[in-house]
């Protein structure tokens, strides 16, 4: 089970391992580097759909600068997938809550601004 431990400007710690970059966490628990950008796009949603998550959590950065692209939001809704976005410190709490509730969850976490 994946547990996001903490975040600070420029990093996120998952299951005790610190990543000094943005990350994607897939529904199967695997983690990959996310290229830093300030928009969660339809392409990113498509990548995270591997593993068929029920929920996608988007950590929008320490100050909330990442925006959800309208096409991504529309496609998620069409597929019945809920997107939850919040500043990254709050988003990691939402992610952990979803995991504890046994939801199938994926996430994209921006670690800076």
PDB file of N, CA and C in Angstrom:
ATOM      1  N   UNK A   1       0.854  -1.185   0.000  1.00  0.00           N
ATOM      2  CA  UNK A   1       0.000   0.000   0.000  1.00  0.00           C
ATOM      3  C   UNK A   1       0.894   1.241   0.000  1.00  0.00           C
ATOM      4  N   UNK A   2       0.543   2.182  -0.858  1.00  0.00           N
ATOM      5  CA  UNK A   2       1.302   3.429  -0.954  1.00  0.00           C
ATOM      6  C   UNK A   2       0.839   4.393   0.123  1.00  0.00           C
ATOM      7  N   UNK A   3       1.792   5.044   0.749  1.00  0.00           N
ATOM      8  CA  UNK A   3       1.515   6.075   1.748  1.00  0.00           C
ATOM      9  C   UNK A   3       2.396   7.268   1.407  1.00  0.00           C
ATOM     10  N   UNK A   4       1.773   8.426   1.203  1.00  0.00           N
ATOM     11  CA  UNK A   4       2.567   9.632   0.988  1.00  0.00           C
ATOM     12  C   UNK A   4       2.851  10.213   2.364  1.00  0.00           C
ATOM     13  N   UNK A   5       4.122  10.296   2.693  1.00  0.00           N
ATOM     14  CA  UNK A   5       4.533  10.716   4.027  1.00  0.00           C
ATOM     15  C   UNK A   5       4.514  12.229   4.206  1.00  0.00           C
ATOM     16  N   UNK A   6       5.078  12.946   3.220  1.00  0.00           N
ATOM     17  CA  UNK A   6       5.191  14.400   3.379  1.00  0.00           C
ATOM     18  C   UNK A   6       5.562  15.046   2.051  1.00  0.00           C
ATOM     19  N   UNK A   7       5.502  16.362   2.061  1.00  0.00           N
ATOM     20  CA  UNK A   7       5.972  17.155   0.931  1.00  0.00           C
ATOM     21  C   UNK A   7       6.548  18.452   1.464  1.00  0.00           C
ATOM     22  N   UNK A   8       7.505  18.973   0.725  1.00  0.00           N
ATOM     23  CA  UNK A   8       8.029  20.309   0.981  1.00  0.00           C
ATOM     24  C   UNK A   8       8.393  20.877  -0.388  1.00  0.00           C
ATOM     25  N   UNK A   9       8.736  22.131  -0.428  1.00  0.00           N
ATOM     26  CA  UNK A   9       9.013  22.757  -1.717  1.00  0.00           C
ATOM     27  C   UNK A   9      10.087  21.970  -2.468  1.00  0.00           C
ATOM     28  N   UNK A  10       9.708  21.398  -3.606  1.00  0.00           N
ATOM     29  CA  UNK A  10      10.638  20.667  -4.457  1.00  0.00           C
ATOM     30  C   UNK A  10      10.766  19.187  -4.194  1.00  0.00           C
ATOM     31  N   UNK A  11      10.030  18.658  -3.211  1.00  0.00           N
ATOM     32  CA  UNK A  11      10.148  17.216  -2.954  1.00  0.00           C
ATOM     33  C   UNK A  11       8.853  16.637  -2.391  1.00  0.00           C
ATOM     34  N   UNK A  12       8.784  15.317  -2.508  1.00  0.00           N
ATOM     35  CA  UNK A  12       7.673  14.557  -1.932  1.00  0.00           C
ATOM     36  C   UNK A  12       8.262  13.237  -1.437  1.00  0.00           C
ATOM     37  N   UNK A  13       7.797  12.762  -0.296  1.00  0.00           N
ATOM     38  CA  UNK A  13       8.287  11.512   0.277  1.00  0.00           C
ATOM     39  C   UNK A  13       7.154  10.500   0.269  1.00  0.00           C
ATOM     40  N   UNK A  14       7.409   9.361  -0.380  1.00  0.00           N
ATOM     41  CA  UNK A  14       6.413   8.306  -0.545  1.00  0.00           C
ATOM     42  C   UNK A  14       7.008   7.005  -0.019  1.00  0.00           C
ATOM     43  N   UNK A  15       6.298   6.379   0.918  1.00  0.00           N
ATOM     44  CA  UNK A  15       6.776   5.131   1.530  1.00  0.00           C
ATOM     45  C   UNK A  15       8.227   5.260   1.999  1.00  0.00           C
ATOM     46  N   UNK A  16       8.538   6.420   2.585  1.00  0.00           N
ATOM     47  CA  UNK A  16       9.863   6.634   3.152  1.00  0.00           C
ATOM     48  C   UNK A  16      10.936   7.044   2.161  1.00  0.00           C
ATOM     49  N   UNK A  17      10.619   7.068   0.861  1.00  0.00           N
ATOM     50  CA  UNK A  17      11.604   7.456  -0.144  1.00  0.00           C
ATOM     51  C   UNK A  17      11.308   8.875  -0.623  1.00  0.00           C
ATOM     52  N   UNK A  18      12.350   9.719  -0.585  1.00  0.00           N
ATOM     53  CA  UNK A  18      12.211  11.123  -0.985  1.00  0.00           C
ATOM     54  C   UNK A  18      12.485  11.261  -2.481  1.00  0.00           C
ATOM     55  N   UNK A  19      11.579  11.954  -3.159  1.00  0.00           N
ATOM     56  CA  UNK A  19      11.722  12.261  -4.582  1.00  0.00           C
ATOM     57  C   UNK A  19      11.897  13.770  -4.702  1.00  0.00           C
ATOM     58  N   UNK A  20      12.964  14.202  -5.369  1.00  0.00           N
ATOM     59  CA  UNK A  20      13.234  15.632  -5.530  1.00  0.00           C
ATOM     60  C   UNK A  20      12.696  16.117  -6.877  1.00  0.00           C
ATOM     61  N   UNK A  21      11.480  15.686  -7.197  1.00  0.00           N
ATOM     62  CA  UNK A  21      10.821  16.068  -8.446  1.00  0.00           C
ATOM     63  C   UNK A  21       9.334  15.745  -8.323  1.00  0.00           C
ATOM     64  N   UNK A  22       8.564  16.207  -9.281  1.00  0.00           N
ATOM     65  CA  UNK A  22       7.145  15.864  -9.346  1.00  0.00           C
ATOM     66  C   UNK A  22       7.010  14.373  -9.624  1.00  0.00           C
ATOM     67  N   UNK A  23       5.886  13.797  -9.202  1.00  0.00           N
ATOM     68  CA  UNK A  23       5.675  12.363  -9.429  1.00  0.00           C
ATOM     69  C   UNK A  23       4.256  12.079  -9.907  1.00  0.00           C
ATOM     70  N   UNK A  24       4.154  10.962 -10.610  1.00  0.00           N
ATOM     71  CA  UNK A  24       2.881  10.303 -10.872  1.00  0.00           C
ATOM     72  C   UNK A  24       2.879   9.073  -9.984  1.00  0.00           C
ATOM     73  N   UNK A  25       1.760   8.804  -9.356  1.00  0.00           N
ATOM     74  CA  UNK A  25       1.576   7.551  -8.629  1.00  0.00           C
ATOM     75  C   UNK A  25       0.412   6.838  -9.304  1.00  0.00           C
ATOM     76  N   UNK A  26       0.675   5.646  -9.795  1.00  0.00           N
ATOM     77  CA  UNK A  26      -0.323   4.885 -10.534  1.00  0.00           C
ATOM     78  C   UNK A  26      -1.176   4.034  -9.594  1.00  0.00           C
ATOM     79  N   UNK A  27      -2.308   3.594 -10.084  1.00  0.00           N
ATOM     80  CA  UNK A  27      -3.252   2.816  -9.275  1.00  0.00           C
ATOM     81  C   UNK A  27      -2.616   1.533  -8.734  1.00  0.00           C
ATOM     82  N   UNK A  28      -1.581   1.023  -9.401  1.00  0.00           N
ATOM     83  CA  UNK A  28      -0.913  -0.187  -8.907  1.00  0.00           C
ATOM     84  C   UNK A  28       0.175   0.125  -7.881  1.00  0.00           C
ATOM     85  N   UNK A  29       0.356   1.425  -7.563  1.00  0.00           N
ATOM     86  CA  UNK A  29       1.347   1.823  -6.574  1.00  0.00           C
ATOM     87  C   UNK A  29       2.697   2.193  -7.156  1.00  0.00           C
ATOM     88  N   UNK A  30       2.886   1.982  -8.443  1.00  0.00           N
ATOM     89  CA  UNK A  30       4.168   2.349  -9.046  1.00  0.00           C
ATOM     90  C   UNK A  30       4.279   3.872  -9.154  1.00  0.00           C
ATOM     91  N   UNK A  31       5.506   4.344  -9.183  1.00  0.00           N
ATOM     92  CA  UNK A  31       5.786   5.783  -9.173  1.00  0.00           C
ATOM     93  C   UNK A  31       6.709   6.103 -10.335  1.00  0.00           C
ATOM     94  N   UNK A  32       6.373   7.172 -11.044  1.00  0.00           N
ATOM     95  CA  UNK A  32       7.227   7.659 -12.139  1.00  0.00           C
ATOM     96  C   UNK A  32       7.407   9.159 -12.018  1.00  0.00           C
ATOM     97  N   UNK A  33       8.488   9.630 -12.576  1.00  0.00           N
ATOM     98  CA  UNK A  33       8.767  11.063 -12.598  1.00  0.00           C
ATOM     99  C   UNK A  33       7.742  11.776 -13.487  1.00  0.00           C
ATOM    100  N   UNK A  34       7.233  12.875 -12.994  1.00  0.00           N
ATOM    101  CA  UNK A  34       6.336  13.748 -13.763  1.00  0.00           C
ATOM    102  C   UNK A  34       7.138  14.974 -14.149  1.00  0.00           C
ATOM    103  N   UNK A  35       7.104  15.319 -15.443  1.00  0.00           N
ATOM    104  CA  UNK A  35       7.762  16.548 -15.877  1.00  0.00           C
ATOM    105  C   UNK A  35       7.011  17.724 -15.297  1.00  0.00           C
ATOM    106  N   UNK A  36       7.741  18.654 -14.730  1.00  0.00           N
ATOM    107  CA  UNK A  36       7.100  19.815 -14.108  1.00  0.00           C
ATOM    108  C   UNK A  36       6.426  20.674 -15.170  1.00  0.00           C
ATOM    109  N   UNK A  37       5.182  20.943 -14.955  1.00  0.00           N
ATOM    110  CA  UNK A  37       4.456  21.921 -15.744  1.00  0.00           C
ATOM    111  C   UNK A  37       3.300  22.402 -14.882  1.00  0.00           C
ATOM    112  N   UNK A  38       2.624  23.407 -15.344  1.00  0.00           N
ATOM    113  CA  UNK A  38       1.585  24.028 -14.521  1.00  0.00           C
ATOM    114  C   UNK A  38       0.185  23.764 -15.031  1.00  0.00           C
ATOM    115  N   UNK A  39       0.035  22.606 -15.697  1.00  0.00           N
ATOM    116  CA  UNK A  39      -1.278  22.205 -16.160  1.00  0.00           C
ATOM    117  C   UNK A  39      -1.364  20.686 -16.122  1.00  0.00           C
ATOM    118  N   UNK A  40      -2.481  20.184 -15.607  1.00  0.00           N
ATOM    119  CA  UNK A  40      -2.755  18.754 -15.660  1.00  0.00           C
ATOM    120  C   UNK A  40      -3.549  18.534 -16.937  1.00  0.00           C
ATOM    121  N   UNK A  41      -2.937  17.848 -17.899  1.00  0.00           N
ATOM    122  CA  UNK A  41      -3.482  17.752 -19.247  1.00  0.00           C
ATOM    123  C   UNK A  41      -4.206  16.437 -19.510  1.00  0.00           C
ATOM    124  N   UNK A  42      -4.891  16.407 -20.636  1.00  0.00           N
ATOM    125  CA  UNK A  42      -5.551  15.185 -21.090  1.00  0.00           C
ATOM    126  C   UNK A  42      -4.516  14.078 -21.297  1.00  0.00           C
ATOM    127  N   UNK A  43      -3.345  14.417 -21.808  1.00  0.00           N
ATOM    128  CA  UNK A  43      -2.284  13.415 -21.984  1.00  0.00           C
ATOM    129  C   UNK A  43      -1.875  12.795 -20.645  1.00  0.00           C
ATOM    130  N   UNK A  44      -1.778  13.617 -19.610  1.00  0.00           N
ATOM    131  CA  UNK A  44      -1.439  13.087 -18.284  1.00  0.00           C
ATOM    132  C   UNK A  44      -2.542  12.181 -17.765  1.00  0.00           C
ATOM    133  N   UNK A  45      -3.778  12.597 -17.951  1.00  0.00           N
ATOM    134  CA  UNK A  45      -4.897  11.747 -17.526  1.00  0.00           C
ATOM    135  C   UNK A  45      -4.802  10.399 -18.212  1.00  0.00           C
ATOM    136  N   UNK A  46      -4.560  10.410 -19.525  1.00  0.00           N
ATOM    137  CA  UNK A  46      -4.442   9.152 -20.265  1.00  0.00           C
ATOM    138  C   UNK A  46      -3.351   8.257 -19.691  1.00  0.00           C
ATOM    139  N   UNK A  47      -2.223   8.850 -19.310  1.00  0.00           N
ATOM    140  CA  UNK A  47      -1.132   8.077 -18.721  1.00  0.00           C
ATOM    141  C   UNK A  47      -1.580   7.450 -17.400  1.00  0.00           C
ATOM    142  N   UNK A  48      -2.275   8.227 -16.585  1.00  0.00           N
ATOM    143  CA  UNK A  48      -2.702   7.731 -15.268  1.00  0.00           C
ATOM    144  C   UNK A  48      -3.851   6.734 -15.334  1.00  0.00           C
ATOM    145  N   UNK A  49      -4.505   6.617 -16.479  1.00  0.00           N
ATOM    146  CA  UNK A  49      -5.624   5.685 -16.600  1.00  0.00           C
ATOM    147  C   UNK A  49      -5.182   4.229 -16.624  1.00  0.00           C
ATOM    148  N   UNK A  50      -3.876   3.979 -16.805  1.00  0.00           N
ATOM    149  CA  UNK A  50      -3.381   2.607 -16.651  1.00  0.00           C
ATOM    150  C   UNK A  50      -3.745   2.147 -15.247  1.00  0.00           C
ATOM    151  N   UNK A  51      -4.333   1.010 -15.132  1.00  0.00           N
ATOM    152  CA  UNK A  51      -4.739   0.513 -13.825  1.00  0.00           C
ATOM    153  C   UNK A  51      -6.156   0.909 -13.457  1.00  0.00           C
ATOM    154  N   UNK A  52      -6.817   1.677 -14.307  1.00  0.00           N
ATOM    155  CA  UNK A  52      -8.229   2.030 -14.149  1.00  0.00           C
ATOM    156  C   UNK A  52      -8.589   2.616 -12.782  1.00  0.00           C
ATOM    157  N   UNK A  53      -8.027   3.770 -12.440  1.00  0.00           N
ATOM    158  CA  UNK A  53      -8.374   4.372 -11.144  1.00  0.00           C
ATOM    159  C   UNK A  53      -9.816   4.869 -11.120  1.00  0.00           C
ATOM    160  N   UNK A  54     -10.387   4.879  -9.930  1.00  0.00           N
ATOM    161  CA  UNK A  54     -11.711   5.481  -9.712  1.00  0.00           C
ATOM    162  C   UNK A  54     -11.566   6.974  -9.470  1.00  0.00           C
ATOM    163  N   UNK A  55     -10.432   7.339  -8.879  1.00  0.00           N
ATOM    164  CA  UNK A  55     -10.168   8.706  -8.459  1.00  0.00           C
ATOM    165  C   UNK A  55      -8.759   9.083  -8.911  1.00  0.00           C
ATOM    166  N   UNK A  56      -8.608  10.319  -9.387  1.00  0.00           N
ATOM    167  CA  UNK A  56      -7.291  10.868  -9.677  1.00  0.00           C
ATOM    168  C   UNK A  56      -7.119  12.109  -8.802  1.00  0.00           C
ATOM    169  N   UNK A  57      -6.081  12.091  -7.989  1.00  0.00           N
ATOM    170  CA  UNK A  57      -5.766  13.221  -7.115  1.00  0.00           C
ATOM    171  C   UNK A  57      -4.674  14.045  -7.797  1.00  0.00           C
ATOM    172  N   UNK A  58      -4.898  15.352  -7.894  1.00  0.00           N
ATOM    173  CA  UNK A  58      -3.898  16.239  -8.484  1.00  0.00           C
ATOM    174  C   UNK A  58      -3.424  17.204  -7.409  1.00  0.00           C
ATOM    175  N   UNK A  59      -2.149  17.077  -7.065  1.00  0.00           N
ATOM    176  CA  UNK A  59      -1.526  18.027  -6.156  1.00  0.00           C
ATOM    177  C   UNK A  59      -1.060  19.213  -6.979  1.00  0.00           C
ATOM    178  N   UNK A  60      -1.657  20.354  -6.756  1.00  0.00           N
ATOM    179  CA  UNK A  60      -1.455  21.512  -7.622  1.00  0.00           C
ATOM    180  C   UNK A  60      -0.248  22.376  -7.247  1.00  0.00           C
ATOM    181  N   UNK A  61       0.608  21.868  -6.385  1.00  0.00           N
ATOM    182  CA  UNK A  61       1.800  22.611  -5.969  1.00  0.00           C
ATOM    183  C   UNK A  61       1.631  23.184  -4.576  1.00  0.00           C
ATOM    184  N   UNK A  62       2.714  23.677  -4.030  1.00  0.00           N
ATOM    185  CA  UNK A  62       2.692  24.220  -2.675  1.00  0.00           C
ATOM    186  C   UNK A  62       1.808  25.462  -2.585  1.00  0.00           C
ATOM    187  N   UNK A  63       1.698  26.192  -3.701  1.00  0.00           N
ATOM    188  CA  UNK A  63       0.857  27.397  -3.738  1.00  0.00           C
ATOM    189  C   UNK A  63      -0.355  27.252  -4.642  1.00  0.00           C
ATOM    190  N   UNK A  64      -0.504  26.097  -5.277  1.00  0.00           N
ATOM    191  CA  UNK A  64      -1.685  25.848  -6.101  1.00  0.00           C
ATOM    192  C   UNK A  64      -1.636  26.387  -7.509  1.00  0.00           C
ATOM    193  N   UNK A  65      -0.462  26.397  -8.133  1.00  0.00           N
ATOM    194  CA  UNK A  65      -0.363  27.004  -9.460  1.00  0.00           C
ATOM    195  C   UNK A  65      -0.778  26.084 -10.610  1.00  0.00           C
ATOM    196  N   UNK A  66      -0.896  24.785 -10.392  1.00  0.00           N
ATOM    197  CA  UNK A  66      -1.284  23.862 -11.462  1.00  0.00           C
ATOM    198  C   UNK A  66      -2.794  23.944 -11.680  1.00  0.00           C
ATOM    199  N   UNK A  67      -3.171  24.047 -12.938  1.00  0.00           N
ATOM    200  CA  UNK A  67      -4.590  24.098 -13.323  1.00  0.00           C
ATOM    201  C   UNK A  67      -4.971  22.802 -14.027  1.00  0.00           C
ATOM    202  N   UNK A  68      -6.230  22.438 -13.929  1.00  0.00           N
ATOM    203  CA  UNK A  68      -6.748  21.243 -14.610  1.00  0.00           C
ATOM    204  C   UNK A  68      -7.264  21.664 -15.978  1.00  0.00           C
ATOM    205  N   UNK A  69      -6.721  21.074 -17.028  1.00  0.00           N
ATOM    206  CA  UNK A  69      -7.164  21.343 -18.388  1.00  0.00           C
ATOM    207  C   UNK A  69      -8.628  20.906 -18.539  1.00  0.00           C
ATOM    208  N   UNK A  70      -9.425  21.726 -19.209  1.00  0.00           N
ATOM    209  CA  UNK A  70     -10.853  21.429 -19.370  1.00  0.00           C
ATOM    210  C   UNK A  70     -11.087  20.107 -20.086  1.00  0.00           C
ATOM    211  N   UNK A  71     -10.265  19.783 -21.079  1.00  0.00           N
ATOM    212  CA  UNK A  71     -10.419  18.511 -21.790  1.00  0.00           C
ATOM    213  C   UNK A  71     -10.173  17.327 -20.855  1.00  0.00           C
ATOM    214  N   UNK A  72      -9.192  17.461 -19.973  1.00  0.00           N
ATOM    215  CA  UNK A  72      -8.913  16.388 -19.011  1.00  0.00           C
ATOM    216  C   UNK A  72     -10.092  16.220 -18.057  1.00  0.00           C
ATOM    217  N   UNK A  73     -10.621  17.324 -17.555  1.00  0.00           N
ATOM    218  CA  UNK A  73     -11.756  17.255 -16.631  1.00  0.00           C
ATOM    219  C   UNK A  73     -12.970  16.644 -17.318  1.00  0.00           C
ATOM    220  N   UNK A  74     -13.212  17.046 -18.552  1.00  0.00           N
ATOM    221  CA  UNK A  74     -14.365  16.526 -19.298  1.00  0.00           C
ATOM    222  C   UNK A  74     -14.226  15.016 -19.555  1.00  0.00           C
ATOM    223  N   UNK A  75     -13.029  14.590 -19.962  1.00  0.00           N
ATOM    224  CA  UNK A  75     -12.803  13.167 -20.241  1.00  0.00           C
ATOM    225  C   UNK A  75     -12.911  12.329 -18.974  1.00  0.00           C
ATOM    226  N   UNK A  76     -12.387  12.830 -17.874  1.00  0.00           N
ATOM    227  CA  UNK A  76     -12.521  12.112 -16.604  1.00  0.00           C
ATOM    228  C   UNK A  76     -13.996  11.929 -16.261  1.00  0.00           C
ATOM    229  N   UNK A  77     -14.768  12.993 -16.388  1.00  0.00           N
ATOM    230  CA  UNK A  77     -16.201  12.902 -16.113  1.00  0.00           C
ATOM    231  C   UNK A  77     -16.895  11.918 -17.023  1.00  0.00           C
ATOM    232  N   UNK A  78     -16.532  11.933 -18.300  1.00  0.00           N
ATOM    233  CA  UNK A  78     -17.131  11.005 -19.269  1.00  0.00           C
ATOM    234  C   UNK A  78     -16.854   9.553 -18.884  1.00  0.00           C
ATOM    235  N   UNK A  79     -15.688   9.308 -18.297  1.00  0.00           N
ATOM    236  CA  UNK A  79     -15.305   7.951 -17.901  1.00  0.00           C
ATOM    237  C   UNK A  79     -15.732   7.599 -16.476  1.00  0.00           C
ATOM    238  N   UNK A  80     -16.372   8.534 -15.793  1.00  0.00           N
ATOM    239  CA  UNK A  80     -16.809   8.275 -14.432  1.00  0.00           C
ATOM    240  C   UNK A  80     -15.690   8.325 -13.404  1.00  0.00           C
ATOM    241  N   UNK A  81     -14.626   9.030 -13.723  1.00  0.00           N
ATOM    242  CA  UNK A  81     -13.474   9.156 -12.823  1.00  0.00           C
ATOM    243  C   UNK A  81     -13.536  10.516 -12.154  1.00  0.00           C
ATOM    244  N   UNK A  82     -13.429  10.513 -10.861  1.00  0.00           N
ATOM    245  CA  UNK A  82     -13.456  11.767 -10.119  1.00  0.00           C
ATOM    246  C   UNK A  82     -12.049  12.344 -10.034  1.00  0.00           C
ATOM    247  N   UNK A  83     -11.904  13.625 -10.386  1.00  0.00           N
ATOM    248  CA  UNK A  83     -10.631  14.326 -10.198  1.00  0.00           C
ATOM    249  C   UNK A  83     -10.774  15.208  -8.965  1.00  0.00           C
ATOM    250  N   UNK A  84      -9.854  15.034  -8.050  1.00  0.00           N
ATOM    251  CA  UNK A  84      -9.784  15.876  -6.853  1.00  0.00           C
ATOM    252  C   UNK A  84      -8.492  16.662  -6.945  1.00  0.00           C
ATOM    253  N   UNK A  85      -8.584  17.987  -6.921  1.00  0.00           N
ATOM    254  CA  UNK A  85      -7.363  18.795  -6.961  1.00  0.00           C
ATOM    255  C   UNK A  85      -7.318  19.704  -5.744  1.00  0.00           C
ATOM    256  N   UNK A  86      -6.106  19.875  -5.238  1.00  0.00           N
ATOM    257  CA  UNK A  86      -5.886  20.723  -4.067  1.00  0.00           C
ATOM    258  C   UNK A  86      -4.397  21.021  -4.005  1.00  0.00           C
ATOM    259  N   UNK A  87      -4.015  22.000  -3.201  1.00  0.00           N
ATOM    260  CA  UNK A  87      -2.586  22.238  -3.016  1.00  0.00           C
ATOM    261  C   UNK A  87      -1.945  20.928  -2.552  1.00  0.00           C
ATOM    262  N   UNK A  88      -0.719  20.727  -2.932  1.00  0.00           N
ATOM    263  CA  UNK A  88      -0.082  19.427  -2.703  1.00  0.00           C
ATOM    264  C   UNK A  88      -0.104  18.966  -1.245  1.00  0.00           C
ATOM    265  N   UNK A  89       0.150  19.815  -0.246  1.00  0.00           N
ATOM    266  CA  UNK A  89       0.071  19.313   1.136  1.00  0.00           C
ATOM    267  C   UNK A  89      -1.314  18.744   1.482  1.00  0.00           C
ATOM    268  N   UNK A  90      -2.372  19.356   0.991  1.00  0.00           N
ATOM    269  CA  UNK A  90      -3.722  18.834   1.237  1.00  0.00           C
ATOM    270  C   UNK A  90      -4.031  17.642   0.351  1.00  0.00           C
ATOM    271  N   UNK A  91      -3.525  17.670  -0.892  1.00  0.00           N
ATOM    272  CA  UNK A  91      -3.788  16.578  -1.832  1.00  0.00           C
ATOM    273  C   UNK A  91      -3.198  15.267  -1.338  1.00  0.00           C
ATOM    274  N   UNK A  92      -2.031  15.324  -0.708  1.00  0.00           N
ATOM    275  CA  UNK A  92      -1.466  14.067  -0.207  1.00  0.00           C
ATOM    276  C   UNK A  92      -2.332  13.481   0.906  1.00  0.00           C
ATOM    277  N   UNK A  93      -2.953  14.331   1.705  1.00  0.00           N
ATOM    278  CA  UNK A  93      -3.877  13.831   2.730  1.00  0.00           C
ATOM    279  C   UNK A  93      -5.085  13.179   2.080  1.00  0.00           C
ATOM    280  N   UNK A  94      -5.605  13.806   1.019  1.00  0.00           N
ATOM    281  CA  UNK A  94      -6.758  13.253   0.302  1.00  0.00           C
ATOM    282  C   UNK A  94      -6.394  11.910  -0.351  1.00  0.00           C
ATOM    283  N   UNK A  95      -5.180  11.832  -0.876  1.00  0.00           N
ATOM    284  CA  UNK A  95      -4.699  10.589  -1.469  1.00  0.00           C
ATOM    285  C   UNK A  95      -4.659   9.482  -0.407  1.00  0.00           C
ATOM    286  N   UNK A  96      -4.039   9.777   0.728  1.00  0.00           N
ATOM    287  CA  UNK A  96      -3.927   8.781   1.796  1.00  0.00           C
ATOM    288  C   UNK A  96      -5.303   8.347   2.300  1.00  0.00           C
ATOM    289  N   UNK A  97      -6.238   9.284   2.407  1.00  0.00           N
ATOM    290  CA  UNK A  97      -7.600   8.941   2.819  1.00  0.00           C
ATOM    291  C   UNK A  97      -8.254   8.007   1.816  1.00  0.00           C
ATOM    292  N   UNK A  98      -8.065   8.280   0.526  1.00  0.00           N
ATOM    293  CA  UNK A  98      -8.653   7.432  -0.521  1.00  0.00           C
ATOM    294  C   UNK A  98      -8.064   6.027  -0.470  1.00  0.00           C
ATOM    295  N   UNK A  99      -6.762   5.929  -0.233  1.00  0.00           N
ATOM    296  CA  UNK A  99      -6.112   4.618  -0.113  1.00  0.00           C
ATOM    297  C   UNK A  99      -6.676   3.853   1.085  1.00  0.00           C
ATOM    298  N   UNK A 100      -6.802   4.540   2.226  1.00  0.00           N
ATOM    299  CA  UNK A 100      -7.339   3.884   3.425  1.00  0.00           C
ATOM    300  C   UNK A 100      -8.781   3.425   3.226  1.00  0.00           C
ATOM    301  N   UNK A 101      -9.524   4.159   2.394  1.00  0.00           N
ATOM    302  CA  UNK A 101     -10.914   3.799   2.104  1.00  0.00           C
ATOM    303  C   UNK A 101     -11.003   2.718   1.020  1.00  0.00           C
ATOM    304  N   UNK A 102      -9.825   2.190   0.626  1.00  0.00           N
ATOM    305  CA  UNK A 102      -9.737   1.116  -0.362  1.00  0.00           C
ATOM    306  C   UNK A 102     -10.239   1.530  -1.738  1.00  0.00           C
ATOM    307  N   UNK A 103     -10.079   2.820  -2.053  1.00  0.00           N
ATOM    308  CA  UNK A 103     -10.418   3.310  -3.389  1.00  0.00           C
ATOM    309  C   UNK A 103      -9.244   3.019  -4.314  1.00  0.00           C
ATOM    310  N   UNK A 104      -9.519   2.832  -5.563  1.00  0.00           N
ATOM    311  CA  UNK A 104      -8.478   2.657  -6.573  1.00  0.00           C
ATOM    312  C   UNK A 104      -8.099   4.060  -7.038  1.00  0.00           C
ATOM    313  N   UNK A 105      -6.911   4.512  -6.648  1.00  0.00           N
ATOM    314  CA  UNK A 105      -6.544   5.915  -6.816  1.00  0.00           C
ATOM    315  C   UNK A 105      -5.198   6.053  -7.514  1.00  0.00           C
ATOM    316  N   UNK A 106      -5.097   7.103  -8.324  1.00  0.00           N
ATOM    317  CA  UNK A 106      -3.845   7.487  -8.965  1.00  0.00           C
ATOM    318  C   UNK A 106      -3.638   8.969  -8.663  1.00  0.00           C
ATOM    319  N   UNK A 107      -2.424   9.451  -8.865  1.00  0.00           N
ATOM    320  CA  UNK A 107      -2.179  10.849  -8.553  1.00  0.00           C
ATOM    321  C   UNK A 107      -1.068  11.469  -9.359  1.00  0.00           C
ATOM    322  N   UNK A 108      -1.154  12.779  -9.502  1.00  0.00           N
ATOM    323  CA  UNK A 108      -0.101  13.592 -10.108  1.00  0.00           C
ATOM    324  C   UNK A 108       0.204  14.693  -9.116  1.00  0.00           C
ATOM    325  N   UNK A 109       1.454  14.793  -8.687  1.00  0.00           N
ATOM    326  CA  UNK A 109       1.812  15.722  -7.625  1.00  0.00           C
ATOM    327  C   UNK A 109       2.908  16.673  -8.067  1.00  0.00           C
ATOM    328  N   UNK A 110       2.588  17.959  -8.062  1.00  0.00           N
ATOM    329  CA  UNK A 110       3.544  19.033  -8.367  1.00  0.00           C
ATOM    330  C   UNK A 110       4.152  19.465  -7.034  1.00  0.00           C
ATOM    331  N   UNK A 111       5.478  19.561  -6.986  1.00  0.00           N
ATOM    332  CA  UNK A 111       6.128  19.792  -5.693  1.00  0.00           C
ATOM    333  C   UNK A 111       6.655  21.194  -5.485  1.00  0.00           C
ATOM    334  N   UNK A 112       6.612  22.033  -6.521  1.00  0.00           N
ATOM    335  CA  UNK A 112       7.053  23.411  -6.325  1.00  0.00           C
ATOM    336  C   UNK A 112       5.832  24.318  -6.358  1.00  0.00           C
ATOM    337  N   UNK A 113       6.021  25.534  -6.720  1.00  0.00           N
ATOM    338  CA  UNK A 113       4.976  26.578  -6.698  1.00  0.00           C
ATOM    339  C   UNK A 113       3.591  26.002  -6.781  1.00  0.00           C
TER     340      UNK A 113
END
